[in-house]
C-alpha cells in the first residue's frame, strides 16, 4: 500500500477516535464479542474459512479496466485537481504527503479564483500597489514551488515545504477532510489510478511537469462551460485514467 493511502487511512482513524469515549468503548466491546465468537467456532469452521480466503478479494486498480460501478466517481473538478496536483507535487519534490496535499489544495484554489474572475463569478483582481503593500509581506510571498506549471506560494517548515494562503499555512487536516469527503469510498482506487499514471509519465521531472496539467484536462469530470458549469459535479471515470496510463507507456 502506498504511503499516500496509508496517510489517508490514518487520518480517518484519528477522526474516529476523537468522536467520543462512549462510542469508542462500545466499538471495543463489540469487537471483543466478535473475537470470542470467532475463537469458539474456530475448529468447526476451519475448512470453510480456508475456502473463503480463496474467494474473490477486494478489488484494486491494476493495469486492466475495472467494473463500471467501481470506476465512476460523481464529483466536481476542484477535489480532483487537488488530489492530482498533490500526487504530482509529492513525486516531483519527494515531500511528505501531508505537505503535498496542502500544495494541491492551494493550487486548486488559485485556479478556481482565476477561472471565477474570467467568467465573472469574482471581481477582477486589483493590481498590487507596491508603495502601500508592506515590503515584509512581499518577501514572504516570494518562495514558490512549480506544480502543473503553476507557481504555488509555500513556506519552509521543520517538516518541509507547505503551501500558504496570504502567509497563513494551509491546514493539513482540512485538506485531508476535504479529499476524504469528496471521494469517500472511491478515494483509494482513485489514488492508485493516478499514481500509476504519474509513474508512467515520470521518466524525468521535466516530462511530468510539462504533461501533468494536460493529462488532468483529459480525465477531469466533464461539466458545462462558463457559469453553467461552475461548482457542478460531473463524472470522473477511472478507466479513462487507466487508458491514459496505457497510452503513455507506449
C-alpha atoms as a PDB file:
ATOM      1  CA  UNK A   1       0.000   0.000   0.000  1.00  0.00           C
ATOM      2  CA  UNK A   2       1.346   3.437  -0.889  1.00  0.00           C
ATOM      3  CA  UNK A   3       2.277   5.942   1.807  1.00  0.00           C
ATOM      4  CA  UNK A   4      -0.426   8.249   0.452  1.00  0.00           C
ATOM      5  CA  UNK A   5      -3.247   5.767   1.080  1.00  0.00           C
ATOM      6  CA  UNK A   6      -1.765   4.845   4.477  1.00  0.00           C
ATOM      7  CA  UNK A   7      -1.790   8.524   5.487  1.00  0.00           C
ATOM      8  CA  UNK A   8      -5.409   8.981   4.410  1.00  0.00           C
ATOM      9  CA  UNK A   9      -6.496   5.881   6.347  1.00  0.00           C
ATOM     10  CA  UNK A  10      -4.662   7.089   9.454  1.00  0.00           C
ATOM     11  CA  UNK A  11      -6.497  10.408   9.147  1.00  0.00           C
ATOM     12  CA  UNK A  12      -9.826   8.561   9.099  1.00  0.00           C
ATOM     13  CA  UNK A  13      -8.812   6.551  12.168  1.00  0.00           C
ATOM     14  CA  UNK A  14      -7.886   9.711  14.066  1.00  0.00           C
ATOM     15  CA  UNK A  15     -11.289  11.189  13.278  1.00  0.00           C
ATOM     16  CA  UNK A  16     -12.994   8.057  14.587  1.00  0.00           C
ATOM     17  CA  UNK A  17     -11.001   8.084  17.851  1.00  0.00           C
ATOM     18  CA  UNK A  18     -11.946  11.705  18.514  1.00  0.00           C
ATOM     19  CA  UNK A  19     -15.690  11.020  18.171  1.00  0.00           C
ATOM     20  CA  UNK A  20     -16.047  10.238  21.916  1.00  0.00           C
ATOM     21  CA  UNK A  21     -15.057   7.769  24.607  1.00  0.00           C
ATOM     22  CA  UNK A  22     -18.531   6.259  24.841  1.00  0.00           C
ATOM     23  CA  UNK A  23     -18.658   5.386  21.171  1.00  0.00           C
ATOM     24  CA  UNK A  24     -15.109   4.025  21.339  1.00  0.00           C
ATOM     25  CA  UNK A  25     -15.929   1.809  24.317  1.00  0.00           C
ATOM     26  CA  UNK A  26     -18.954   0.403  22.522  1.00  0.00           C
ATOM     27  CA  UNK A  27     -16.880  -0.390  19.439  1.00  0.00           C
ATOM     28  CA  UNK A  28     -14.245  -2.132  21.556  1.00  0.00           C
ATOM     29  CA  UNK A  29     -16.908  -4.194  23.329  1.00  0.00           C
ATOM     30  CA  UNK A  30     -18.460  -5.244  20.023  1.00  0.00           C
ATOM     31  CA  UNK A  31     -15.045  -6.192  18.677  1.00  0.00           C
ATOM     32  CA  UNK A  32     -14.307  -8.309  21.743  1.00  0.00           C
ATOM     33  CA  UNK A  33     -17.614 -10.146  21.364  1.00  0.00           C
ATOM     34  CA  UNK A  34     -16.802 -10.886  17.734  1.00  0.00           C
ATOM     35  CA  UNK A  35     -13.333 -12.188  18.640  1.00  0.00           C
ATOM     36  CA  UNK A  36     -14.781 -14.508  21.323  1.00  0.00           C
ATOM     37  CA  UNK A  37     -17.379 -15.828  18.898  1.00  0.00           C
ATOM     38  CA  UNK A  38     -14.770 -16.415  16.189  1.00  0.00           C
ATOM     39  CA  UNK A  39     -12.438 -18.176  18.633  1.00  0.00           C
ATOM     40  CA  UNK A  40     -15.154 -20.540  19.897  1.00  0.00           C
ATOM     41  CA  UNK A  41     -16.067 -21.669  16.399  1.00  0.00           C
ATOM     42  CA  UNK A  42     -12.530 -21.756  15.024  1.00  0.00           C
ATOM     43  CA  UNK A  43     -12.151 -25.531  14.697  1.00  0.00           C
ATOM     44  CA  UNK A  44     -15.602 -26.366  13.369  1.00  0.00           C
ATOM     45  CA  UNK A  45     -15.361 -23.758  10.615  1.00  0.00           C
ATOM     46  CA  UNK A  46     -11.672 -24.047   9.713  1.00  0.00           C
ATOM     47  CA  UNK A  47     -12.315 -25.633   6.325  1.00  0.00           C
ATOM     48  CA  UNK A  48     -14.926 -23.031   5.476  1.00  0.00           C
ATOM     49  CA  UNK A  49     -12.514 -20.182   6.334  1.00  0.00           C
ATOM     50  CA  UNK A  50      -9.856 -21.642   4.058  1.00  0.00           C
ATOM     51  CA  UNK A  51     -12.402 -21.684   1.233  1.00  0.00           C
ATOM     52  CA  UNK A  52     -13.394 -18.083   1.923  1.00  0.00           C
ATOM     53  CA  UNK A  53      -9.768 -16.976   1.589  1.00  0.00           C
ATOM     54  CA  UNK A  54      -9.763 -18.324  -1.944  1.00  0.00           C
ATOM     55  CA  UNK A  55     -12.835 -16.337  -2.898  1.00  0.00           C
ATOM     56  CA  UNK A  56     -12.716 -13.000  -4.677  1.00  0.00           C
ATOM     57  CA  UNK A  57     -10.604 -10.441  -2.812  1.00  0.00           C
ATOM     58  CA  UNK A  58     -11.275  -6.705  -2.564  1.00  0.00           C
ATOM     59  CA  UNK A  59     -10.857  -5.035  -5.925  1.00  0.00           C
ATOM     60  CA  UNK A  60      -7.871  -2.795  -6.545  1.00  0.00           C
ATOM     61  CA  UNK A  61      -6.939  -0.800  -9.596  1.00  0.00           C
ATOM     62  CA  UNK A  62      -4.415  -2.618 -11.761  1.00  0.00           C
ATOM     63  CA  UNK A  63      -3.412  -2.303 -15.392  1.00  0.00           C
ATOM     64  CA  UNK A  64      -6.795  -3.545 -16.604  1.00  0.00           C
ATOM     65  CA  UNK A  65     -10.102  -1.730 -16.720  1.00  0.00           C
ATOM     66  CA  UNK A  66     -12.331  -2.048 -13.661  1.00  0.00           C
ATOM     67  CA  UNK A  67     -16.061  -2.582 -13.317  1.00  0.00           C
ATOM     68  CA  UNK A  68     -18.118   0.434 -14.295  1.00  0.00           C
ATOM     69  CA  UNK A  69     -19.771   0.589 -10.880  1.00  0.00           C
ATOM     70  CA  UNK A  70     -16.329   0.992  -9.269  1.00  0.00           C
ATOM     71  CA  UNK A  71     -14.815   3.272 -11.902  1.00  0.00           C
ATOM     72  CA  UNK A  72     -17.373   6.104 -11.839  1.00  0.00           C
ATOM     73  CA  UNK A  73     -16.985   8.955  -9.345  1.00  0.00           C
ATOM     74  CA  UNK A  74     -19.585  11.732  -9.287  1.00  0.00           C
ATOM     75  CA  UNK A  75     -17.607  14.771  -8.204  1.00  0.00           C
ATOM     76  CA  UNK A  76     -16.747  18.327  -9.137  1.00  0.00           C
ATOM     77  CA  UNK A  77     -13.398  19.332 -10.546  1.00  0.00           C
ATOM     78  CA  UNK A  78     -11.809  21.066  -7.555  1.00  0.00           C
ATOM     79  CA  UNK A  79     -11.120  17.978  -5.383  1.00  0.00           C
ATOM     80  CA  UNK A  80      -9.949  16.038  -8.452  1.00  0.00           C
ATOM     81  CA  UNK A  81      -7.435  18.781  -9.242  1.00  0.00           C
ATOM     82  CA  UNK A  82      -6.447  18.952  -5.567  1.00  0.00           C
ATOM     83  CA  UNK A  83      -5.682  15.229  -5.379  1.00  0.00           C
ATOM     84  CA  UNK A  84      -3.936  15.068  -8.753  1.00  0.00           C
ATOM     85  CA  UNK A  85      -1.693  18.094  -8.135  1.00  0.00           C
ATOM     86  CA  UNK A  86      -0.849  16.837  -4.620  1.00  0.00           C
ATOM     87  CA  UNK A  87       0.304  13.487  -6.020  1.00  0.00           C
ATOM     88  CA  UNK A  88       2.303  15.249  -8.741  1.00  0.00           C
ATOM     89  CA  UNK A  89       3.926  17.563  -6.169  1.00  0.00           C
ATOM     90  CA  UNK A  90       4.858  14.593  -3.992  1.00  0.00           C
ATOM     91  CA  UNK A  91       6.513  12.887  -6.948  1.00  0.00           C
ATOM     92  CA  UNK A  92       8.317  15.992  -8.217  1.00  0.00           C
ATOM     93  CA  UNK A  93       9.738  17.175  -4.905  1.00  0.00           C
ATOM     94  CA  UNK A  94       9.797  13.987  -2.788  1.00  0.00           C
ATOM     95  CA  UNK A  95       7.918  15.648   0.075  1.00  0.00           C
ATOM     96  CA  UNK A  96       5.607  14.317   2.791  1.00  0.00           C
ATOM     97  CA  UNK A  97       2.077  13.503   1.649  1.00  0.00           C
ATOM     98  CA  UNK A  98       0.558  15.885   4.181  1.00  0.00           C
ATOM     99  CA  UNK A  99       2.669  18.738   2.780  1.00  0.00           C
ATOM    100  CA  UNK A 100       1.892  17.817  -0.821  1.00  0.00           C
ATOM    101  CA  UNK A 101      -1.814  17.845  -0.037  1.00  0.00           C
ATOM    102  CA  UNK A 102      -1.621  21.470   1.157  1.00  0.00           C
ATOM    103  CA  UNK A 103       0.051  22.373  -2.135  1.00  0.00           C
ATOM    104  CA  UNK A 104      -2.678  20.628  -4.108  1.00  0.00           C
ATOM    105  CA  UNK A 105      -5.364  22.397  -2.089  1.00  0.00           C
ATOM    106  CA  UNK A 106      -3.782  25.810  -2.650  1.00  0.00           C
ATOM    107  CA  UNK A 107      -3.201  25.183  -6.354  1.00  0.00           C
ATOM    108  CA  UNK A 108      -6.835  24.240  -6.885  1.00  0.00           C
ATOM    109  CA  UNK A 109      -7.854  27.398  -5.044  1.00  0.00           C
ATOM    110  CA  UNK A 110      -5.622  29.582  -7.203  1.00  0.00           C
ATOM    111  CA  UNK A 111      -7.035  28.152 -10.426  1.00  0.00           C
ATOM    112  CA  UNK A 112     -10.602  28.443  -9.110  1.00  0.00           C
ATOM    113  CA  UNK A 113     -10.045  32.129  -8.363  1.00  0.00           C
ATOM    114  CA  UNK A 114      -8.581  32.700 -11.819  1.00  0.00           C
ATOM    115  CA  UNK A 115     -11.430  30.821 -13.507  1.00  0.00           C
ATOM    116  CA  UNK A 116     -14.030  32.621 -11.404  1.00  0.00           C
ATOM    117  CA  UNK A 117     -12.685  36.017 -12.426  1.00  0.00           C
ATOM    118  CA  UNK A 118     -12.553  35.030 -16.098  1.00  0.00           C
ATOM    119  CA  UNK A 119     -16.255  34.070 -16.195  1.00  0.00           C
ATOM    120  CA  UNK A 120     -17.473  36.901 -13.998  1.00  0.00           C
ATOM    121  CA  UNK A 121     -18.089  34.983 -10.769  1.00  0.00           C
ATOM    122  CA  UNK A 122     -15.485  37.043  -8.894  1.00  0.00           C
ATOM    123  CA  UNK A 123     -14.456  40.663  -9.238  1.00  0.00           C
ATOM    124  CA  UNK A 124     -11.302  41.312 -11.289  1.00  0.00           C
ATOM    125  CA  UNK A 125      -8.140  41.238  -9.225  1.00  0.00           C
ATOM    126  CA  UNK A 126      -6.926  44.672  -8.207  1.00  0.00           C
ATOM    127  CA  UNK A 127      -3.324  45.490  -9.155  1.00  0.00           C
ATOM    128  CA  UNK A 128      -0.853  45.439  -6.263  1.00  0.00           C
ATOM    129  CA  UNK A 129       0.254  48.857  -5.055  1.00  0.00           C
ATOM    130  CA  UNK A 130       3.974  48.409  -4.471  1.00  0.00           C
ATOM    131  CA  UNK A 131       4.132  51.541  -2.314  1.00  0.00           C
ATOM    132  CA  UNK A 132       1.305  50.630   0.084  1.00  0.00           C
ATOM    133  CA  UNK A 133       1.916  46.877   0.377  1.00  0.00           C
ATOM    134  CA  UNK A 134       4.383  46.198   3.221  1.00  0.00           C
ATOM    135  CA  UNK A 135       7.802  45.098   1.984  1.00  0.00           C
ATOM    136  CA  UNK A 136       7.903  42.289   4.557  1.00  0.00           C
ATOM    137  CA  UNK A 137       4.764  40.659   3.156  1.00  0.00           C
ATOM    138  CA  UNK A 138       6.042  40.901  -0.402  1.00  0.00           C
ATOM    139  CA  UNK A 139       9.183  38.995   0.579  1.00  0.00           C
ATOM    140  CA  UNK A 140       7.227  36.290   2.419  1.00  0.00           C
ATOM    141  CA  UNK A 141       5.237  35.569  -0.731  1.00  0.00           C
ATOM    142  CA  UNK A 142       8.302  35.208  -2.941  1.00  0.00           C
ATOM    143  CA  UNK A 143       9.028  31.479  -2.419  1.00  0.00           C
ATOM    144  CA  UNK A 144       7.058  29.068  -4.600  1.00  0.00           C
ATOM    145  CA  UNK A 145       7.015  25.515  -5.912  1.00  0.00           C
ATOM    146  CA  UNK A 146       6.041  24.929  -9.518  1.00  0.00           C
ATOM    147  CA  UNK A 147       3.381  22.245  -9.975  1.00  0.00           C
ATOM    148  CA  UNK A 148       1.341  21.686 -13.165  1.00  0.00           C
ATOM    149  CA  UNK A 149       3.041  24.825 -14.481  1.00  0.00           C
ATOM    150  CA  UNK A 150       1.602  26.903 -11.608  1.00  0.00           C
ATOM    151  CA  UNK A 151       3.773  28.675  -9.026  1.00  0.00           C
ATOM    152  CA  UNK A 152       2.278  27.800  -5.641  1.00  0.00           C
ATOM    153  CA  UNK A 153       3.284  30.039  -2.683  1.00  0.00           C
ATOM    154  CA  UNK A 154       4.978  27.966   0.016  1.00  0.00           C
ATOM    155  CA  UNK A 155       6.786  28.321   3.313  1.00  0.00           C
ATOM    156  CA  UNK A 156       9.584  26.096   4.580  1.00  0.00           C
ATOM    157  CA  UNK A 157       8.768  24.344   7.857  1.00  0.00           C
ATOM    158  CA  UNK A 158      10.594  21.788  10.000  1.00  0.00           C
ATOM    159  CA  UNK A 159       8.615  19.102   8.136  1.00  0.00           C
ATOM    160  CA  UNK A 160       9.315  20.514   4.686  1.00  0.00           C
ATOM    161  CA  UNK A 161       7.566  22.985   2.366  1.00  0.00           C
ATOM    162  CA  UNK A 162       3.868  23.714   2.929  1.00  0.00           C
ATOM    163  CA  UNK A 163       1.500  25.889   0.929  1.00  0.00           C
ATOM    164  CA  UNK A 164       0.485  29.263   2.310  1.00  0.00           C
ATOM    165  CA  UNK A 165      -2.564  31.413   1.746  1.00  0.00           C
ATOM    166  CA  UNK A 166      -1.737  35.060   2.476  1.00  0.00           C
ATOM    167  CA  UNK A 167       1.165  33.991   4.733  1.00  0.00           C
ATOM    168  CA  UNK A 168      -1.014  31.514   6.660  1.00  0.00           C
ATOM    169  CA  UNK A 169      -0.193  27.818   6.353  1.00  0.00           C
ATOM    170  CA  UNK A 170      -2.854  25.780   4.577  1.00  0.00           C
ATOM    171  CA  UNK A 171      -4.394  23.348   7.084  1.00  0.00           C
ATOM    172  CA  UNK A 172      -3.346  19.742   6.531  1.00  0.00           C
ATOM    173  CA  UNK A 173      -6.325  18.435   8.499  1.00  0.00           C
ATOM    174  CA  UNK A 174      -8.827  20.469   6.491  1.00  0.00           C
ATOM    175  CA  UNK A 175      -7.231  19.344   3.219  1.00  0.00           C
ATOM    176  CA  UNK A 176      -7.430  15.671   4.265  1.00  0.00           C
ATOM    177  CA  UNK A 177     -11.065  16.048   5.311  1.00  0.00           C
ATOM    178  CA  UNK A 178     -11.900  17.827   2.067  1.00  0.00           C
ATOM    179  CA  UNK A 179     -10.463  15.000  -0.045  1.00  0.00           C
ATOM    180  CA  UNK A 180     -11.981  12.214   2.068  1.00  0.00           C
ATOM    181  CA  UNK A 181     -15.456  13.751   1.959  1.00  0.00           C
ATOM    182  CA  UNK A 182     -15.271  14.360  -1.784  1.00  0.00           C
ATOM    183  CA  UNK A 183     -14.139  10.872  -2.872  1.00  0.00           C
ATOM    184  CA  UNK A 184     -15.454   8.807   0.062  1.00  0.00           C
ATOM    185  CA  UNK A 185     -15.152   5.039  -0.620  1.00  0.00           C
ATOM    186  CA  UNK A 186     -13.584   5.615  -4.038  1.00  0.00           C
ATOM    187  CA  UNK A 187     -10.568   7.522  -2.727  1.00  0.00           C
ATOM    188  CA  UNK A 188      -8.204   4.525  -2.637  1.00  0.00           C
ATOM    189  CA  UNK A 189      -8.982   3.434  -6.198  1.00  0.00           C
ATOM    190  CA  UNK A 190      -8.596   6.994  -7.453  1.00  0.00           C
ATOM    191  CA  UNK A 191      -5.216   7.415  -5.760  1.00  0.00           C
ATOM    192  CA  UNK A 192      -3.980   4.106  -7.190  1.00  0.00           C
ATOM    193  CA  UNK A 193      -5.063   5.003 -10.723  1.00  0.00           C
ATOM    194  CA  UNK A 194      -3.471   8.458 -10.532  1.00  0.00           C
ATOM    195  CA  UNK A 195      -0.223   7.111  -9.049  1.00  0.00           C
ATOM    196  CA  UNK A 196       0.139   4.627 -11.904  1.00  0.00           C
ATOM    197  CA  UNK A 197      -0.386   7.377 -14.474  1.00  0.00           C
ATOM    198  CA  UNK A 198       2.222   9.545 -12.749  1.00  0.00           C
ATOM    199  CA  UNK A 199       4.720   6.681 -12.777  1.00  0.00           C
ATOM    200  CA  UNK A 200       4.058   6.123 -16.472  1.00  0.00           C
ATOM    201  CA  UNK A 201       4.982   9.702 -17.365  1.00  0.00           C
ATOM    202  CA  UNK A 202       7.738  10.172 -14.785  1.00  0.00           C
ATOM    203  CA  UNK A 203      10.771   9.213 -16.838  1.00  0.00           C
ATOM    204  CA  UNK A 204      12.110  12.577 -15.753  1.00  0.00           C
ATOM    205  CA  UNK A 205      10.795  15.524 -13.772  1.00  0.00           C
ATOM    206  CA  UNK A 206      10.620  17.826 -16.771  1.00  0.00           C
ATOM    207  CA  UNK A 207       8.275  15.454 -18.596  1.00  0.00           C
ATOM    208  CA  UNK A 208       5.905  15.199 -15.631  1.00  0.00           C
ATOM    209  CA  UNK A 209       5.970  18.948 -15.070  1.00  0.00           C
ATOM    210  CA  UNK A 210       5.215  19.549 -18.742  1.00  0.00           C
ATOM    211  CA  UNK A 211       2.450  16.985 -19.226  1.00  0.00           C
ATOM    212  CA  UNK A 212       0.672  16.859 -15.849  1.00  0.00           C
ATOM    213  CA  UNK A 213      -1.899  19.581 -16.497  1.00  0.00           C
ATOM    214  CA  UNK A 214      -2.676  18.329 -19.999  1.00  0.00           C
ATOM    215  CA  UNK A 215      -3.268  14.839 -18.600  1.00  0.00           C
ATOM    216  CA  UNK A 216      -5.611  16.298 -15.993  1.00  0.00           C
ATOM    217  CA  UNK A 217      -7.601  18.005 -18.743  1.00  0.00           C
ATOM    218  CA  UNK A 218      -8.075  14.639 -20.442  1.00  0.00           C
ATOM    219  CA  UNK A 219      -9.573  12.801 -17.459  1.00  0.00           C
ATOM    220  CA  UNK A 220     -11.203  15.572 -15.391  1.00  0.00           C
ATOM    221  CA  UNK A 221     -15.005  15.491 -14.949  1.00  0.00           C
ATOM    222  CA  UNK A 222     -16.926  16.986 -17.849  1.00  0.00           C
ATOM    223  CA  UNK A 223     -19.168  19.915 -16.925  1.00  0.00           C
ATOM    224  CA  UNK A 224     -20.853  22.718 -18.848  1.00  0.00           C
ATOM    225  CA  UNK A 225     -18.649  25.638 -19.847  1.00  0.00           C
ATOM    226  CA  UNK A 226     -18.810  29.063 -18.222  1.00  0.00           C
ATOM    227  CA  UNK A 227     -21.100  29.945 -15.332  1.00  0.00           C
ATOM    228  CA  UNK A 228     -23.421  26.987 -16.030  1.00  0.00           C
ATOM    229  CA  UNK A 229     -20.720  24.528 -15.024  1.00  0.00           C
ATOM    230  CA  UNK A 230     -19.347  26.477 -12.056  1.00  0.00           C
ATOM    231  CA  UNK A 231     -19.277  24.222  -8.980  1.00  0.00           C
ATOM    232  CA  UNK A 232     -21.250  21.482 -10.736  1.00  0.00           C
ATOM    233  CA  UNK A 233     -20.476  17.793 -10.410  1.00  0.00           C
ATOM    234  CA  UNK A 234     -19.542  15.606 -13.332  1.00  0.00           C
ATOM    235  CA  UNK A 235     -18.303  12.075 -13.982  1.00  0.00           C
ATOM    236  CA  UNK A 236     -14.728  11.114 -13.193  1.00  0.00           C
ATOM    237  CA  UNK A 237     -14.132   7.790 -14.953  1.00  0.00           C
ATOM    238  CA  UNK A 238     -11.135   5.935 -13.517  1.00  0.00           C
ATOM    239  CA  UNK A 239     -10.980   3.819 -16.666  1.00  0.00           C
ATOM    240  CA  UNK A 240     -10.029   6.992 -18.543  1.00  0.00           C
ATOM    241  CA  UNK A 241      -7.034   7.349 -16.252  1.00  0.00           C
ATOM    242  CA  UNK A 242      -6.114   3.690 -16.768  1.00  0.00           C
ATOM    243  CA  UNK A 243      -6.400   4.122 -20.539  1.00  0.00           C
ATOM    244  CA  UNK A 244      -4.164   7.198 -20.381  1.00  0.00           C
ATOM    245  CA  UNK A 245      -1.620   5.137 -18.451  1.00  0.00           C
ATOM    246  CA  UNK A 246      -1.532   2.510 -21.222  1.00  0.00           C
ATOM    247  CA  UNK A 247      -1.158   5.159 -23.917  1.00  0.00           C
ATOM    248  CA  UNK A 248       1.569   6.998 -22.006  1.00  0.00           C
ATOM    249  CA  UNK A 249       3.636   3.830 -21.601  1.00  0.00           C
ATOM    250  CA  UNK A 250       3.660   3.141 -25.340  1.00  0.00           C
END
